[in-house]
């Protein structure tokens, strides 16, 4: 009985030892598993942190690249805007130049049409002078001479036609001298007349529309020298006779 109890006790002790060993092994495994899990967790966290850091760096790099790209695009846009403004300015200048050219061309055409007959009319002026010299007769003589009357009629018709084309006589006699319209041939003293007044018209001047095609050839009055007047000379002679 005692041996049996010893064996039973021994078996129980062995079972306890075995169970303790198993418990220790299980605890070791659990601790190892916990450490493994902790290490894995730490590894995952490190990897996540690394991935997060890398991701943040990539985002920052991408953001910098996008900012650089945007700045580059903005710079190109500014250059294009400046180029557009330059071309716009050139276009407006060319348009203004073209408008001025058109106006000059139209003005030249108007002037060409307006004065197209200038040479012909200038060539006819000596003929008009001859007509007027022919008609330097009194009205009584014109009434008596039918030929002169015919010449006068032809002259009036010619002047009417030329007047329709813009020919006008320059009014010179008894007018103040104006170098724009008159050509002075001589200056003579004239009593009772203001100096530089047209006192005689040697050759008539003419306008074609508003352009002088021949200046009036005139004689102009000058200041009267009091010492040389006839009345003063007569008084001097009378005094000498006394």
C-alpha atoms as a PDB file:
ATOM      1  CA  UNK A   1       0.000   0.000   0.000  1.00  0.00           C
ATOM      2  CA  UNK A   2       2.715   2.344   0.836  1.00  0.00           C
ATOM      3  CA  UNK A   3       4.523   1.611  -2.391  1.00  0.00           C
ATOM      4  CA  UNK A   4       1.340   2.176  -4.312  1.00  0.00           C
ATOM      5  CA  UNK A   5       0.818   5.482  -2.624  1.00  0.00           C
ATOM      6  CA  UNK A   6       4.365   6.440  -3.346  1.00  0.00           C
ATOM      7  CA  UNK A   7       3.891   5.612  -6.986  1.00  0.00           C
ATOM      8  CA  UNK A   8       0.659   7.542  -7.096  1.00  0.00           C
ATOM      9  CA  UNK A   9       2.259  10.432  -5.337  1.00  0.00           C
ATOM     10  CA  UNK A  10       5.201  10.244  -7.675  1.00  0.00           C
ATOM     11  CA  UNK A  11       2.902  10.175 -10.679  1.00  0.00           C
ATOM     12  CA  UNK A  12       1.015  13.123  -9.320  1.00  0.00           C
ATOM     13  CA  UNK A  13       4.233  15.007  -8.808  1.00  0.00           C
ATOM     14  CA  UNK A  14       5.322  14.108 -12.305  1.00  0.00           C
ATOM     15  CA  UNK A  15       2.002  15.256 -13.683  1.00  0.00           C
ATOM     16  CA  UNK A  16       2.303  18.476 -11.737  1.00  0.00           C
ATOM     17  CA  UNK A  17       5.816  18.997 -13.006  1.00  0.00           C
ATOM     18  CA  UNK A  18       4.692  18.209 -16.519  1.00  0.00           C
ATOM     19  CA  UNK A  19       1.759  20.546 -16.157  1.00  0.00           C
ATOM     20  CA  UNK A  20       4.010  23.239 -14.747  1.00  0.00           C
ATOM     21  CA  UNK A  21       6.420  22.719 -17.599  1.00  0.00           C
ATOM     22  CA  UNK A  22       3.552  22.927 -20.011  1.00  0.00           C
ATOM     23  CA  UNK A  23       2.323  26.063 -18.319  1.00  0.00           C
ATOM     24  CA  UNK A  24       5.791  27.537 -18.416  1.00  0.00           C
ATOM     25  CA  UNK A  25       6.111  26.597 -22.073  1.00  0.00           C
ATOM     26  CA  UNK A  26       2.712  28.088 -22.811  1.00  0.00           C
ATOM     27  CA  UNK A  27       3.617  31.232 -20.933  1.00  0.00           C
ATOM     28  CA  UNK A  28       6.920  31.392 -22.822  1.00  0.00           C
ATOM     29  CA  UNK A  29       5.059  30.913 -26.062  1.00  0.00           C
ATOM     30  CA  UNK A  30       2.556  33.578 -25.089  1.00  0.00           C
ATOM     31  CA  UNK A  31       5.353  35.942 -24.102  1.00  0.00           C
ATOM     32  CA  UNK A  32       7.180  35.134 -27.319  1.00  0.00           C
ATOM     33  CA  UNK A  33       3.977  35.597 -29.259  1.00  0.00           C
ATOM     34  CA  UNK A  34       3.323  38.882 -27.514  1.00  0.00           C
ATOM     35  CA  UNK A  35       6.861  40.021 -28.251  1.00  0.00           C
ATOM     36  CA  UNK A  36       6.484  38.830 -31.802  1.00  0.00           C
ATOM     37  CA  UNK A  37       3.182  40.634 -32.094  1.00  0.00           C
ATOM     38  CA  UNK A  38       4.664  43.713 -30.476  1.00  0.00           C
ATOM     39  CA  UNK A  39       7.652  43.555 -32.793  1.00  0.00           C
ATOM     40  CA  UNK A  40       5.360  43.082 -35.761  1.00  0.00           C
ATOM     41  CA  UNK A  41       3.201  45.940 -34.568  1.00  0.00           C
ATOM     42  CA  UNK A  42       6.239  48.121 -34.126  1.00  0.00           C
ATOM     43  CA  UNK A  43       7.442  47.022 -37.530  1.00  0.00           C
ATOM     44  CA  UNK A  44       4.062  47.861 -39.045  1.00  0.00           C
ATOM     45  CA  UNK A  45       4.007  51.204 -37.290  1.00  0.00           C
ATOM     46  CA  UNK A  46       7.528  51.936 -38.478  1.00  0.00           C
ATOM     47  CA  UNK A  47       6.570  50.926 -41.968  1.00  0.00           C
ATOM     48  CA  UNK A  48       3.416  53.040 -41.790  1.00  0.00           C
ATOM     49  CA  UNK A  49       5.427  55.971 -40.450  1.00  0.00           C
ATOM     50  CA  UNK A  50       7.964  55.450 -43.192  1.00  0.00           C
ATOM     51  CA  UNK A  51       5.242  55.191 -45.798  1.00  0.00           C
ATOM     52  CA  UNK A  52       3.552  58.268 -44.351  1.00  0.00           C
ATOM     53  CA  UNK A  53       6.829  60.174 -44.368  1.00  0.00           C
ATOM     54  CA  UNK A  54       7.535  59.088 -47.910  1.00  0.00           C
ATOM     55  CA  UNK A  55       3.992  59.980 -48.889  1.00  0.00           C
ATOM     56  CA  UNK A  56       4.315  63.419 -47.287  1.00  0.00           C
ATOM     57  CA  UNK A  57       7.635  63.967 -49.024  1.00  0.00           C
ATOM     58  CA  UNK A  58       6.107  62.890 -52.328  1.00  0.00           C
ATOM     59  CA  UNK A  59       3.175  65.228 -51.726  1.00  0.00           C
ATOM     60  CA  UNK A  60       5.540  68.066 -50.909  1.00  0.00           C
ATOM     61  CA  UNK A  61       7.650  67.320 -53.986  1.00  0.00           C
ATOM     62  CA  UNK A  62       4.535  67.060 -56.108  1.00  0.00           C
ATOM     63  CA  UNK A  63       3.234  70.303 -54.620  1.00  0.00           C
ATOM     64  CA  UNK A  64       6.518  72.050 -55.379  1.00  0.00           C
ATOM     65  CA  UNK A  65       6.476  70.663 -58.911  1.00  0.00           C
ATOM     66  CA  UNK A  66       2.914  71.876 -59.396  1.00  0.00           C
ATOM     67  CA  UNK A  67       3.812  75.304 -58.007  1.00  0.00           C
ATOM     68  CA  UNK A  68       6.836  75.500 -60.313  1.00  0.00           C
ATOM     69  CA  UNK A  69       4.695  74.385 -63.227  1.00  0.00           C
ATOM     70  CA  UNK A  70       2.048  76.974 -62.390  1.00  0.00           C
ATOM     71  CA  UNK A  71       4.675  79.694 -62.091  1.00  0.00           C
ATOM     72  CA  UNK A  72       6.113  78.628 -65.425  1.00  0.00           C
ATOM     73  CA  UNK A  73       2.659  78.665 -67.030  1.00  0.00           C
ATOM     74  CA  UNK A  74       1.891  82.082 -65.480  1.00  0.00           C
ATOM     75  CA  UNK A  75       5.172  83.439 -66.833  1.00  0.00           C
ATOM     76  CA  UNK A  76       4.321  82.101 -70.294  1.00  0.00           C
ATOM     77  CA  UNK A  77       0.842  83.628 -70.036  1.00  0.00           C
ATOM     78  CA  UNK A  78       2.349  87.014 -69.111  1.00  0.00           C
ATOM     79  CA  UNK A  79       4.741  86.812 -72.052  1.00  0.00           C
ATOM     80  CA  UNK A  80       1.889  85.920 -74.393  1.00  0.00           C
ATOM     81  CA  UNK A  81      -0.204  88.792 -73.039  1.00  0.00           C
ATOM     82  CA  UNK A  82       2.678  91.199 -73.598  1.00  0.00           C
ATOM     83  CA  UNK A  83       3.146  89.877 -77.130  1.00  0.00           C
ATOM     84  CA  UNK A  84      -0.596  90.243 -77.801  1.00  0.00           C
ATOM     85  CA  UNK A  85      -0.486  93.839 -76.567  1.00  0.00           C
ATOM     86  CA  UNK A  86       2.508  94.553 -78.814  1.00  0.00           C
ATOM     87  CA  UNK A  87       0.735  93.115 -81.859  1.00  0.00           C
ATOM     88  CA  UNK A  88      -2.435  94.966 -80.904  1.00  0.00           C
ATOM     89  CA  UNK A  89      -0.497  98.238 -80.689  1.00  0.00           C
ATOM     90  CA  UNK A  90       1.141  97.549 -84.071  1.00  0.00           C
ATOM     91  CA  UNK A  91      -2.247  96.715 -85.573  1.00  0.00           C
ATOM     92  CA  UNK A  92      -3.809  99.935 -84.260  1.00  0.00           C
ATOM     93  CA  UNK A  93      -0.859 101.957 -85.580  1.00  0.00           C
ATOM     94  CA  UNK A  94      -1.159 100.328 -88.997  1.00  0.00           C
ATOM     95  CA  UNK A  95      -4.907 100.963 -89.004  1.00  0.00           C
ATOM     96  CA  UNK A  96      -4.322 104.626 -88.156  1.00  0.00           C
ATOM     97  CA  UNK A  97      -1.649 104.886 -90.868  1.00  0.00           C
ATOM     98  CA  UNK A  98      -3.983 103.222 -93.364  1.00  0.00           C
ATOM     99  CA  UNK A  99      -6.828 105.586 -92.435  1.00  0.00           C
ATOM    100  CA  UNK A 100      -4.506 108.569 -92.879  1.00  0.00           C
ATOM    101  CA  UNK A 101      -3.348 107.151 -96.209  1.00  0.00           C
ATOM    102  CA  UNK A 102      -6.955 106.740 -97.340  1.00  0.00           C
ATOM    103  CA  UNK A 103      -7.756 110.310 -96.303  1.00  0.00           C
ATOM    104  CA  UNK A 104      -4.691 111.652 -98.130  1.00  0.00           C
ATOM    105  CA  UNK A 105      -5.591 109.611-101.193  1.00  0.00           C
ATOM    106  CA  UNK A 106      -9.171 110.856-101.138  1.00  0.00           C
ATOM    107  CA  UNK A 107      -7.950 114.426-100.651  1.00  0.00           C
ATOM    108  CA  UNK A 108      -5.500 114.043-103.522  1.00  0.00           C
ATOM    109  CA  UNK A 109      -8.280 112.714-105.735  1.00  0.00           C
ATOM    110  CA  UNK A 110     -10.519 115.626-104.759  1.00  0.00           C
ATOM    111  CA  UNK A 111      -7.716 118.087-105.486  1.00  0.00           C
ATOM    112  CA  UNK A 112      -6.989 116.341-108.771  1.00  0.00           C
ATOM    113  CA  UNK A 113     -10.613 116.596-109.843  1.00  0.00           C
ATOM    114  CA  UNK A 114     -10.924 120.134-108.504  1.00  0.00           C
ATOM    115  CA  UNK A 115      -7.882 121.434-110.374  1.00  0.00           C
ATOM    116  CA  UNK A 116      -7.843 119.036-113.335  1.00  0.00           C
ATOM    117  CA  UNK A 117      -8.534 121.915-115.762  1.00  0.00           C
ATOM    118  CA  UNK A 118      -5.946 124.271-114.264  1.00  0.00           C
ATOM    119  CA  UNK A 119      -3.445 124.041-117.119  1.00  0.00           C
ATOM    120  CA  UNK A 120      -6.125 124.500-119.778  1.00  0.00           C
ATOM    121  CA  UNK A 121      -7.631 127.512-118.014  1.00  0.00           C
ATOM    122  CA  UNK A 122      -4.183 129.073-117.452  1.00  0.00           C
ATOM    123  CA  UNK A 123      -3.496 128.700-121.171  1.00  0.00           C
ATOM    124  CA  UNK A 124      -6.815 130.481-121.905  1.00  0.00           C
ATOM    125  CA  UNK A 125      -6.030 133.493-119.699  1.00  0.00           C
ATOM    126  CA  UNK A 126      -4.048 135.336-122.424  1.00  0.00           C
ATOM    127  CA  UNK A 127      -7.047 134.855-124.737  1.00  0.00           C
ATOM    128  CA  UNK A 128      -9.288 136.409-122.084  1.00  0.00           C
ATOM    129  CA  UNK A 129      -6.808 139.316-121.836  1.00  0.00           C
ATOM    130  CA  UNK A 130      -7.081 139.820-125.579  1.00  0.00           C
ATOM    131  CA  UNK A 131     -10.868 139.804-125.373  1.00  0.00           C
ATOM    132  CA  UNK A 132     -10.806 142.419-122.640  1.00  0.00           C
ATOM    133  CA  UNK A 133      -8.359 144.634-124.536  1.00  0.00           C
ATOM    134  CA  UNK A 134     -10.626 144.367-127.570  1.00  0.00           C
ATOM    135  CA  UNK A 135     -13.620 145.450-125.487  1.00  0.00           C
ATOM    136  CA  UNK A 136     -11.991 148.583-124.026  1.00  0.00           C
ATOM    137  CA  UNK A 137     -14.508 150.822-125.717  1.00  0.00           C
ATOM    138  CA  UNK A 138     -17.286 152.944-124.424  1.00  0.00           C
ATOM    139  CA  UNK A 139     -20.824 151.616-124.324  1.00  0.00           C
ATOM    140  CA  UNK A 140     -21.821 154.065-127.041  1.00  0.00           C
ATOM    141  CA  UNK A 141     -19.202 152.638-129.374  1.00  0.00           C
ATOM    142  CA  UNK A 142     -20.295 149.084-128.570  1.00  0.00           C
ATOM    143  CA  UNK A 143     -23.885 149.941-129.441  1.00  0.00           C
ATOM    144  CA  UNK A 144     -22.819 151.286-132.797  1.00  0.00           C
ATOM    145  CA  UNK A 145     -20.491 148.366-133.706  1.00  0.00           C
ATOM    146  CA  UNK A 146     -22.244 145.011-134.170  1.00  0.00           C
ATOM    147  CA  UNK A 147     -18.919 143.162-134.464  1.00  0.00           C
ATOM    148  CA  UNK A 148     -17.838 144.384-131.040  1.00  0.00           C
ATOM    149  CA  UNK A 149     -21.215 143.334-129.699  1.00  0.00           C
ATOM    150  CA  UNK A 150     -20.630 139.822-131.064  1.00  0.00           C
ATOM    151  CA  UNK A 151     -17.174 139.745-129.512  1.00  0.00           C
ATOM    152  CA  UNK A 152     -18.665 140.795-126.172  1.00  0.00           C
ATOM    153  CA  UNK A 153     -21.255 138.033-126.371  1.00  0.00           C
ATOM    154  CA  UNK A 154     -18.528 135.415-127.058  1.00  0.00           C
ATOM    155  CA  UNK A 155     -16.476 136.813-124.190  1.00  0.00           C
ATOM    156  CA  UNK A 156     -19.414 136.637-121.763  1.00  0.00           C
ATOM    157  CA  UNK A 157     -20.186 133.038-122.775  1.00  0.00           C
ATOM    158  CA  UNK A 158     -16.564 132.037-122.322  1.00  0.00           C
ATOM    159  CA  UNK A 159     -16.386 133.666-118.888  1.00  0.00           C
ATOM    160  CA  UNK A 160     -19.658 131.997-117.890  1.00  0.00           C
ATOM    161  CA  UNK A 161     -18.305 128.549-118.818  1.00  0.00           C
ATOM    162  CA  UNK A 162     -14.997 129.167-117.034  1.00  0.00           C
ATOM    163  CA  UNK A 163     -16.871 130.500-114.009  1.00  0.00           C
ATOM    164  CA  UNK A 164     -18.824 127.247-113.831  1.00  0.00           C
ATOM    165  CA  UNK A 165     -15.463 125.449-113.614  1.00  0.00           C
ATOM    166  CA  UNK A 166     -14.393 127.642-110.685  1.00  0.00           C
ATOM    167  CA  UNK A 167     -12.582 130.573-112.364  1.00  0.00           C
ATOM    168  CA  UNK A 168     -12.903 133.904-110.515  1.00  0.00           C
ATOM    169  CA  UNK A 169     -11.302 137.305-110.981  1.00  0.00           C
ATOM    170  CA  UNK A 170      -9.209 138.694-108.147  1.00  0.00           C
ATOM    171  CA  UNK A 171     -10.584 141.994-106.910  1.00  0.00           C
ATOM    172  CA  UNK A 172      -7.484 144.222-106.821  1.00  0.00           C
ATOM    173  CA  UNK A 173      -8.227 147.853-107.711  1.00  0.00           C
ATOM    174  CA  UNK A 174      -8.448 150.181-104.679  1.00  0.00           C
ATOM    175  CA  UNK A 175      -7.784 147.222-102.372  1.00  0.00           C
ATOM    176  CA  UNK A 176      -4.955 147.013 -99.808  1.00  0.00           C
ATOM    177  CA  UNK A 177      -1.940 145.295-101.283  1.00  0.00           C
ATOM    178  CA  UNK A 178      -1.846 141.568-100.441  1.00  0.00           C
ATOM    179  CA  UNK A 179       1.172 139.588-101.621  1.00  0.00           C
ATOM    180  CA  UNK A 180      -0.975 136.417-101.565  1.00  0.00           C
ATOM    181  CA  UNK A 181      -3.004 137.787-104.487  1.00  0.00           C
ATOM    182  CA  UNK A 182      -1.084 140.740-105.918  1.00  0.00           C
ATOM    183  CA  UNK A 183       2.262 141.235-107.607  1.00  0.00           C
ATOM    184  CA  UNK A 184       3.547 144.811-107.284  1.00  0.00           C
ATOM    185  CA  UNK A 185       5.264 146.170-110.403  1.00  0.00           C
ATOM    186  CA  UNK A 186       5.747 149.711-109.179  1.00  0.00           C
ATOM    187  CA  UNK A 187       5.133 152.093-106.268  1.00  0.00           C
ATOM    188  CA  UNK A 188       4.003 155.628-106.978  1.00  0.00           C
ATOM    189  CA  UNK A 189       3.058 158.480-104.593  1.00  0.00           C
ATOM    190  CA  UNK A 190      -0.650 159.262-104.709  1.00  0.00           C
ATOM    191  CA  UNK A 191      -2.353 162.010-102.735  1.00  0.00           C
ATOM    192  CA  UNK A 192      -5.489 161.113-100.814  1.00  0.00           C
ATOM    193  CA  UNK A 193      -4.729 157.378-100.984  1.00  0.00           C
ATOM    194  CA  UNK A 194      -3.460 155.226 -98.168  1.00  0.00           C
ATOM    195  CA  UNK A 195       0.036 153.827 -98.729  1.00  0.00           C
ATOM    196  CA  UNK A 196       0.212 150.276-100.109  1.00  0.00           C
ATOM    197  CA  UNK A 197      -3.130 150.576-101.871  1.00  0.00           C
ATOM    198  CA  UNK A 198      -3.598 149.222-105.408  1.00  0.00           C
ATOM    199  CA  UNK A 199      -4.095 152.256-107.614  1.00  0.00           C
ATOM    200  CA  UNK A 200      -3.826 150.586-111.017  1.00  0.00           C
ATOM    201  CA  UNK A 201      -4.309 147.040-112.336  1.00  0.00           C
ATOM    202  CA  UNK A 202      -1.918 146.251-115.189  1.00  0.00           C
ATOM    203  CA  UNK A 203      -2.949 142.602-115.596  1.00  0.00           C
ATOM    204  CA  UNK A 204      -5.892 140.849-113.966  1.00  0.00           C
ATOM    205  CA  UNK A 205      -5.324 137.978-111.558  1.00  0.00           C
ATOM    206  CA  UNK A 206      -7.463 134.865-111.309  1.00  0.00           C
ATOM    207  CA  UNK A 207      -8.477 132.194-108.785  1.00  0.00           C
ATOM    208  CA  UNK A 208      -9.388 128.644-109.668  1.00  0.00           C
ATOM    209  CA  UNK A 209     -11.747 127.722-106.856  1.00  0.00           C
ATOM    210  CA  UNK A 210      -9.610 128.871-103.885  1.00  0.00           C
ATOM    211  CA  UNK A 211      -6.194 128.601-105.573  1.00  0.00           C
ATOM    212  CA  UNK A 212      -4.350 131.526-107.177  1.00  0.00           C
ATOM    213  CA  UNK A 213      -3.414 130.542-110.713  1.00  0.00           C
ATOM    214  CA  UNK A 214      -2.246 134.056-111.667  1.00  0.00           C
ATOM    215  CA  UNK A 215      -1.438 136.990-109.396  1.00  0.00           C
ATOM    216  CA  UNK A 216      -2.756 140.428-110.256  1.00  0.00           C
ATOM    217  CA  UNK A 217       0.022 142.655-111.605  1.00  0.00           C
ATOM    218  CA  UNK A 218      -0.568 146.021-109.963  1.00  0.00           C
ATOM    219  CA  UNK A 219       0.837 149.453-109.226  1.00  0.00           C
ATOM    220  CA  UNK A 220       0.767 150.358-105.539  1.00  0.00           C
ATOM    221  CA  UNK A 221       0.652 153.726-103.826  1.00  0.00           C
ATOM    222  CA  UNK A 222       3.525 154.900-101.657  1.00  0.00           C
ATOM    223  CA  UNK A 223       3.847 157.649 -99.054  1.00  0.00           C
ATOM    224  CA  UNK A 224       3.690 161.190-100.464  1.00  0.00           C
ATOM    225  CA  UNK A 225       6.840 163.268 -99.851  1.00  0.00           C
ATOM    226  CA  UNK A 226       5.530 166.635 -98.593  1.00  0.00           C
ATOM    227  CA  UNK A 227       8.698 168.509 -99.550  1.00  0.00           C
ATOM    228  CA  UNK A 228       8.302 167.597-103.216  1.00  0.00           C
ATOM    229  CA  UNK A 229       4.594 168.357-103.621  1.00  0.00           C
ATOM    230  CA  UNK A 230       3.680 170.987-106.317  1.00  0.00           C
ATOM    231  CA  UNK A 231       2.089 173.334-103.767  1.00  0.00           C
ATOM    232  CA  UNK A 232       5.283 173.521-101.731  1.00  0.00           C
ATOM    233  CA  UNK A 233       7.375 174.070-104.851  1.00  0.00           C
ATOM    234  CA  UNK A 234       5.042 176.924-105.899  1.00  0.00           C
ATOM    235  CA  UNK A 235       5.312 178.573-102.483  1.00  0.00           C
ATOM    236  CA  UNK A 236       9.085 178.359-102.634  1.00  0.00           C
ATOM    237  CA  UNK A 237       9.064 180.036-106.071  1.00  0.00           C
ATOM    238  CA  UNK A 238       6.764 182.790-104.842  1.00  0.00           C
ATOM    239  CA  UNK A 239       9.049 183.501-101.939  1.00  0.00           C
ATOM    240  CA  UNK A 240      12.017 183.655-104.287  1.00  0.00           C
ATOM    241  CA  UNK A 241      10.181 186.102-106.558  1.00  0.00           C
ATOM    242  CA  UNK A 242       9.405 188.392-103.629  1.00  0.00           C
END
